[in-house]
Amino acid sequence: MQSHNRIFIFDEFIAEERRKYLVVIIYDIVDNRRRAAFAKYLQGFGIRVQKSAFECILPQSKYDKLVKGIPGLIAPEDQVRVYKLTSNADIKYWGSVELLEEEEVVII
C-alpha cells in the first residue's frame, strides 16, 4: 500500500492580501465543445487532477477572476462546484497525482 502525501499546507498567519487558497473545481458539462472550452479556461488557473476536476493555488484576486468568468462558459443544464479551502482543511492524496506548485500564471 502506498503512503499518502500532503498536497498543500495552509498558513493562516500570512497577511490576508498575501494569502493563497487551495481551490478545487469540479464540473459536469453536457456539451463537448463547452466542456473543452471550460477545461481550457481552468488550465489558466491550475492543473487538471481528474477528467472533470482542477486544483488551483490562488490569491483572492485570482479566485475572484476565476469565479467571475464561470457563468459565461456554462449553460443552465451544466453543473460546476468551486471549493475554496481555508485553514483547518487536511488534503491527502494516493496514487500518481501531480503536486501543485505555486507559480504565477498569466492569462492572455
N, C-alpha and C. Protein backbone atom coordinates (compact mmCIF):
# COMPACT_ATOMS: atom_id res chain seq x y z
N MET A 1 0.84 -1.17 0.00
CA MET A 1 0.00 0.00 0.00
C MET A 1 0.89 1.24 0.00
N GLN A 2 0.56 2.17 -0.86
CA GLN A 2 1.33 3.40 -0.98
C GLN A 2 0.91 4.37 0.12
N SER A 3 1.90 5.06 0.68
CA SER A 3 1.57 6.04 1.71
C SER A 3 0.98 7.29 1.06
N HIS A 4 0.27 8.05 1.85
CA HIS A 4 -0.35 9.28 1.35
C HIS A 4 0.59 10.46 1.58
N ASN A 5 0.33 11.51 0.85
CA ASN A 5 1.14 12.72 0.94
C ASN A 5 0.24 13.92 1.08
N ARG A 6 0.77 14.99 1.62
CA ARG A 6 0.02 16.23 1.72
C ARG A 6 0.20 17.03 0.43
N ILE A 7 -0.88 17.67 0.00
CA ILE A 7 -0.86 18.46 -1.23
C ILE A 7 -0.50 19.90 -0.96
N PHE A 8 -1.03 20.46 0.10
CA PHE A 8 -0.93 21.91 0.32
C PHE A 8 -1.02 22.18 1.81
N ILE A 9 -0.21 23.08 2.30
CA ILE A 9 -0.25 23.47 3.71
C ILE A 9 -0.76 24.90 3.79
N PHE A 10 -1.76 25.11 4.62
CA PHE A 10 -2.34 26.43 4.80
C PHE A 10 -1.55 27.19 5.84
N ASP A 11 -1.31 28.44 5.59
CA ASP A 11 -0.62 29.29 6.56
C ASP A 11 -1.53 30.47 6.88
N GLU A 12 -2.27 30.34 7.96
CA GLU A 12 -3.22 31.39 8.32
C GLU A 12 -2.55 32.59 8.97
N PHE A 13 -1.23 32.54 9.14
CA PHE A 13 -0.52 33.65 9.76
C PHE A 13 0.01 34.64 8.72
N ILE A 14 -0.21 34.35 7.43
CA ILE A 14 0.17 35.27 6.37
C ILE A 14 -0.92 36.33 6.27
N ALA A 15 -0.53 37.56 6.02
CA ALA A 15 -1.49 38.65 5.87
C ALA A 15 -2.49 38.32 4.77
N GLU A 16 -3.74 38.69 4.97
CA GLU A 16 -4.83 38.36 4.04
C GLU A 16 -4.51 38.73 2.60
N GLU A 17 -3.91 39.88 2.37
CA GLU A 17 -3.63 40.32 1.00
C GLU A 17 -2.55 39.47 0.32
N ARG A 18 -1.78 38.70 1.07
CA ARG A 18 -0.74 37.83 0.51
C ARG A 18 -1.11 36.35 0.59
N ARG A 19 -2.23 36.04 1.22
CA ARG A 19 -2.64 34.66 1.44
C ARG A 19 -3.10 34.01 0.14
N LYS A 20 -2.81 32.72 -0.01
CA LYS A 20 -3.29 31.95 -1.16
C LYS A 20 -4.16 30.81 -0.65
N TYR A 21 -5.07 30.39 -1.51
CA TYR A 21 -6.03 29.36 -1.15
C TYR A 21 -5.95 28.20 -2.12
N LEU A 22 -6.21 27.02 -1.63
CA LEU A 22 -6.36 25.87 -2.50
C LEU A 22 -7.80 25.87 -2.96
N VAL A 23 -8.01 25.90 -4.26
CA VAL A 23 -9.34 25.95 -4.85
C VAL A 23 -9.53 24.69 -5.69
N VAL A 24 -10.62 23.99 -5.46
CA VAL A 24 -10.94 22.79 -6.21
C VAL A 24 -12.20 23.07 -7.02
N ILE A 25 -12.14 22.78 -8.31
CA ILE A 25 -13.29 22.98 -9.20
C ILE A 25 -13.66 21.62 -9.77
N ILE A 26 -14.91 21.23 -9.59
CA ILE A 26 -15.42 20.01 -10.22
C ILE A 26 -16.61 20.40 -11.09
N TYR A 27 -16.79 19.67 -12.18
CA TYR A 27 -17.85 20.07 -13.11
C TYR A 27 -18.40 18.89 -13.88
N ASP A 28 -19.63 19.07 -14.33
CA ASP A 28 -20.31 18.13 -15.21
C ASP A 28 -20.97 18.99 -16.29
N ILE A 29 -20.31 19.08 -17.42
CA ILE A 29 -20.79 19.92 -18.52
C ILE A 29 -21.22 19.01 -19.66
N VAL A 30 -22.46 19.17 -20.09
CA VAL A 30 -23.10 18.26 -21.03
C VAL A 30 -22.50 18.32 -22.43
N ASP A 31 -22.29 19.51 -22.95
CA ASP A 31 -21.84 19.71 -24.33
C ASP A 31 -20.32 19.58 -24.43
N ASN A 32 -19.85 18.79 -25.40
CA ASN A 32 -18.41 18.55 -25.57
C ASN A 32 -17.64 19.84 -25.84
N ARG A 33 -18.15 20.69 -26.70
CA ARG A 33 -17.45 21.94 -27.04
C ARG A 33 -17.36 22.86 -25.83
N ARG A 34 -18.46 22.99 -25.10
CA ARG A 34 -18.47 23.83 -23.89
C ARG A 34 -17.54 23.25 -22.82
N ARG A 35 -17.56 21.93 -22.70
CA ARG A 35 -16.70 21.27 -21.71
C ARG A 35 -15.22 21.51 -22.03
N ALA A 36 -14.86 21.41 -23.30
CA ALA A 36 -13.47 21.65 -23.71
C ALA A 36 -13.07 23.10 -23.46
N ALA A 37 -13.95 24.04 -23.75
CA ALA A 37 -13.66 25.46 -23.52
C ALA A 37 -13.52 25.74 -22.03
N PHE A 38 -14.35 25.09 -21.22
CA PHE A 38 -14.28 25.29 -19.77
C PHE A 38 -12.97 24.75 -19.21
N ALA A 39 -12.57 23.57 -19.67
CA ALA A 39 -11.30 22.98 -19.21
C ALA A 39 -10.13 23.87 -19.62
N LYS A 40 -10.17 24.41 -20.81
CA LYS A 40 -9.10 25.31 -21.26
C LYS A 40 -9.04 26.56 -20.38
N TYR A 41 -10.21 27.09 -20.02
CA TYR A 41 -10.28 28.24 -19.13
C TYR A 41 -9.62 27.91 -17.78
N LEU A 42 -9.96 26.75 -17.24
CA LEU A 42 -9.42 26.37 -15.93
C LEU A 42 -7.91 26.13 -15.97
N GLN A 43 -7.38 25.69 -17.11
CA GLN A 43 -5.94 25.48 -17.23
C GLN A 43 -5.16 26.77 -17.02
N GLY A 44 -5.81 27.90 -17.22
CA GLY A 44 -5.16 29.19 -16.97
C GLY A 44 -5.03 29.50 -15.49
N PHE A 45 -5.65 28.69 -14.65
CA PHE A 45 -5.63 28.93 -13.21
C PHE A 45 -4.95 27.82 -12.41
N GLY A 46 -4.97 26.59 -12.92
CA GLY A 46 -4.43 25.48 -12.14
C GLY A 46 -4.17 24.27 -12.99
N ILE A 47 -4.20 23.10 -12.35
CA ILE A 47 -3.90 21.86 -13.07
C ILE A 47 -5.08 20.90 -12.97
N ARG A 48 -5.23 20.12 -14.03
CA ARG A 48 -6.27 19.09 -14.06
C ARG A 48 -5.77 17.89 -13.25
N VAL A 49 -6.58 17.45 -12.30
CA VAL A 49 -6.20 16.31 -11.48
C VAL A 49 -7.05 15.08 -11.79
N GLN A 50 -8.19 15.27 -12.41
CA GLN A 50 -9.03 14.20 -12.92
C GLN A 50 -9.76 14.76 -14.14
N LYS A 51 -10.53 13.93 -14.83
CA LYS A 51 -11.17 14.40 -16.07
C LYS A 51 -12.01 15.64 -15.86
N SER A 52 -12.73 15.73 -14.77
CA SER A 52 -13.60 16.89 -14.52
C SER A 52 -13.27 17.57 -13.20
N ALA A 53 -11.99 17.64 -12.88
CA ALA A 53 -11.57 18.26 -11.62
C ALA A 53 -10.24 18.98 -11.80
N PHE A 54 -10.19 20.21 -11.29
CA PHE A 54 -8.98 21.01 -11.31
C PHE A 54 -8.65 21.47 -9.89
N GLU A 55 -7.38 21.65 -9.62
CA GLU A 55 -6.91 22.24 -8.37
C GLU A 55 -6.06 23.46 -8.71
N CYS A 56 -6.25 24.50 -7.92
CA CYS A 56 -5.52 25.75 -8.15
C CYS A 56 -5.05 26.30 -6.80
N ILE A 57 -3.94 26.98 -6.82
CA ILE A 57 -3.48 27.74 -5.66
C ILE A 57 -3.54 29.20 -6.07
N LEU A 58 -4.47 29.95 -5.46
CA LEU A 58 -4.77 31.29 -5.93
C LEU A 58 -4.85 32.30 -4.80
N PRO A 59 -4.38 33.52 -5.06
CA PRO A 59 -4.68 34.62 -4.13
C PRO A 59 -6.14 35.03 -4.35
N GLN A 60 -6.68 35.81 -3.45
CA GLN A 60 -8.09 36.21 -3.52
C GLN A 60 -8.44 36.87 -4.85
N SER A 61 -7.56 37.72 -5.39
CA SER A 61 -7.86 38.42 -6.63
C SER A 61 -8.05 37.46 -7.81
N LYS A 62 -7.20 36.43 -7.90
CA LYS A 62 -7.34 35.46 -9.00
C LYS A 62 -8.53 34.54 -8.77
N TYR A 63 -8.82 34.24 -7.52
CA TYR A 63 -10.02 33.46 -7.20
C TYR A 63 -11.26 34.22 -7.69
N ASP A 64 -11.31 35.52 -7.39
CA ASP A 64 -12.44 36.34 -7.82
C ASP A 64 -12.57 36.33 -9.34
N LYS A 65 -11.44 36.43 -10.05
CA LYS A 65 -11.44 36.42 -11.51
C LYS A 65 -11.94 35.07 -12.03
N LEU A 66 -11.48 33.99 -11.43
CA LEU A 66 -11.91 32.64 -11.81
C LEU A 66 -13.43 32.52 -11.71
N VAL A 67 -13.97 32.87 -10.56
CA VAL A 67 -15.40 32.73 -10.30
C VAL A 67 -16.22 33.63 -11.22
N LYS A 68 -15.74 34.82 -11.47
CA LYS A 68 -16.46 35.77 -12.32
C LYS A 68 -16.61 35.25 -13.76
N GLY A 69 -15.63 34.51 -14.25
CA GLY A 69 -15.66 34.03 -15.63
C GLY A 69 -16.50 32.78 -15.87
N ILE A 70 -16.85 32.06 -14.83
CA ILE A 70 -17.56 30.79 -14.99
C ILE A 70 -18.94 30.93 -15.61
N PRO A 71 -19.80 31.84 -15.16
CA PRO A 71 -21.16 31.90 -15.73
C PRO A 71 -21.21 32.07 -17.24
N GLY A 72 -20.25 32.74 -17.82
CA GLY A 72 -20.23 32.95 -19.27
C GLY A 72 -19.81 31.73 -20.06
N LEU A 73 -19.36 30.69 -19.38
CA LEU A 73 -18.86 29.49 -20.06
C LEU A 73 -19.79 28.29 -19.95
N ILE A 74 -20.83 28.39 -19.16
CA ILE A 74 -21.69 27.24 -18.93
C ILE A 74 -23.14 27.55 -19.31
N ALA A 75 -23.93 26.49 -19.40
CA ALA A 75 -25.36 26.60 -19.70
C ALA A 75 -26.15 26.14 -18.47
N PRO A 76 -27.45 26.44 -18.44
CA PRO A 76 -28.26 26.08 -17.27
C PRO A 76 -28.23 24.59 -16.90
N GLU A 77 -28.06 23.72 -17.89
CA GLU A 77 -28.05 22.27 -17.60
C GLU A 77 -26.71 21.77 -17.06
N ASP A 78 -25.68 22.60 -17.06
CA ASP A 78 -24.36 22.23 -16.56
C ASP A 78 -24.29 22.39 -15.04
N GLN A 79 -23.32 21.69 -14.45
CA GLN A 79 -23.09 21.84 -13.02
C GLN A 79 -21.61 22.12 -12.77
N VAL A 80 -21.36 23.11 -11.95
CA VAL A 80 -19.99 23.46 -11.57
C VAL A 80 -19.98 23.73 -10.07
N ARG A 81 -18.98 23.19 -9.39
CA ARG A 81 -18.79 23.46 -7.96
C ARG A 81 -17.37 23.96 -7.76
N VAL A 82 -17.24 25.02 -6.98
CA VAL A 82 -15.93 25.59 -6.67
C VAL A 82 -15.78 25.56 -5.16
N TYR A 83 -14.73 24.91 -4.69
CA TYR A 83 -14.45 24.82 -3.26
C TYR A 83 -13.20 25.64 -2.96
N LYS A 84 -13.34 26.65 -2.16
CA LYS A 84 -12.21 27.48 -1.70
C LYS A 84 -11.87 26.99 -0.30
N LEU A 85 -10.75 26.32 -0.19
CA LEU A 85 -10.37 25.70 1.08
C LEU A 85 -9.50 26.63 1.90
N THR A 86 -9.87 26.79 3.13
CA THR A 86 -9.14 27.66 4.04
C THR A 86 -8.55 26.84 5.17
N SER A 87 -8.09 27.49 6.22
CA SER A 87 -7.40 26.79 7.30
C SER A 87 -8.25 25.67 7.89
N ASN A 88 -7.58 24.76 8.52
CA ASN A 88 -8.15 23.58 9.15
C ASN A 88 -8.60 22.52 8.15
N ALA A 89 -8.29 22.67 6.88
CA ALA A 89 -8.56 21.62 5.90
C ALA A 89 -7.35 20.71 5.85
N ASP A 90 -7.57 19.45 5.63
CA ASP A 90 -6.49 18.48 5.54
C ASP A 90 -6.67 17.70 4.25
N ILE A 91 -5.81 17.92 3.29
CA ILE A 91 -5.93 17.30 1.99
C ILE A 91 -4.81 16.28 1.82
N LYS A 92 -5.18 15.06 1.49
CA LYS A 92 -4.20 14.00 1.25
C LYS A 92 -4.50 13.38 -0.10
N TYR A 93 -3.53 12.69 -0.68
CA TYR A 93 -3.78 12.01 -1.93
C TYR A 93 -3.06 10.67 -1.94
N TRP A 94 -3.55 9.79 -2.78
CA TRP A 94 -2.95 8.49 -3.02
C TRP A 94 -2.85 8.30 -4.52
N GLY A 95 -1.84 7.59 -4.96
CA GLY A 95 -1.69 7.33 -6.39
C GLY A 95 -0.78 8.34 -7.05
N SER A 96 -0.77 8.31 -8.36
CA SER A 96 0.13 9.18 -9.11
C SER A 96 -0.57 10.51 -9.39
N VAL A 97 -0.45 11.40 -8.45
CA VAL A 97 -1.06 12.71 -8.55
C VAL A 97 0.04 13.74 -8.67
N GLU A 98 -0.10 14.64 -9.66
CA GLU A 98 0.87 15.71 -9.83
C GLU A 98 0.72 16.71 -8.69
N LEU A 99 1.83 17.04 -8.06
CA LEU A 99 1.77 18.01 -6.96
C LEU A 99 1.56 19.41 -7.50
N LEU A 100 0.80 20.19 -6.77
CA LEU A 100 0.59 21.58 -7.12
C LEU A 100 1.84 22.38 -6.80
N GLU A 101 2.16 23.29 -7.66
CA GLU A 101 3.27 24.19 -7.39
C GLU A 101 2.74 25.61 -7.46
N GLU A 102 3.24 26.44 -6.58
CA GLU A 102 2.84 27.84 -6.65
C GLU A 102 3.62 28.48 -7.78
N GLU A 103 2.89 29.01 -8.74
CA GLU A 103 3.53 29.71 -9.85
C GLU A 103 2.58 30.78 -10.33
N GLU A 104 3.16 31.77 -10.91
CA GLU A 104 2.34 32.84 -11.48
C GLU A 104 1.87 32.40 -12.86
N VAL A 105 0.59 32.48 -13.09
CA VAL A 105 0.01 32.14 -14.38
C VAL A 105 -0.48 33.41 -15.03
N VAL A 106 -0.09 33.63 -16.27
CA VAL A 106 -0.52 34.81 -16.99
C VAL A 106 -1.54 34.38 -18.02
N ILE A 107 -2.71 34.99 -17.99
CA ILE A 107 -3.77 34.68 -18.94
C ILE A 107 -3.82 35.79 -19.98
N ILE A 108 -3.65 35.41 -21.23
CA ILE A 108 -3.62 36.40 -22.32
C ILE A 108 -4.92 36.33 -23.09
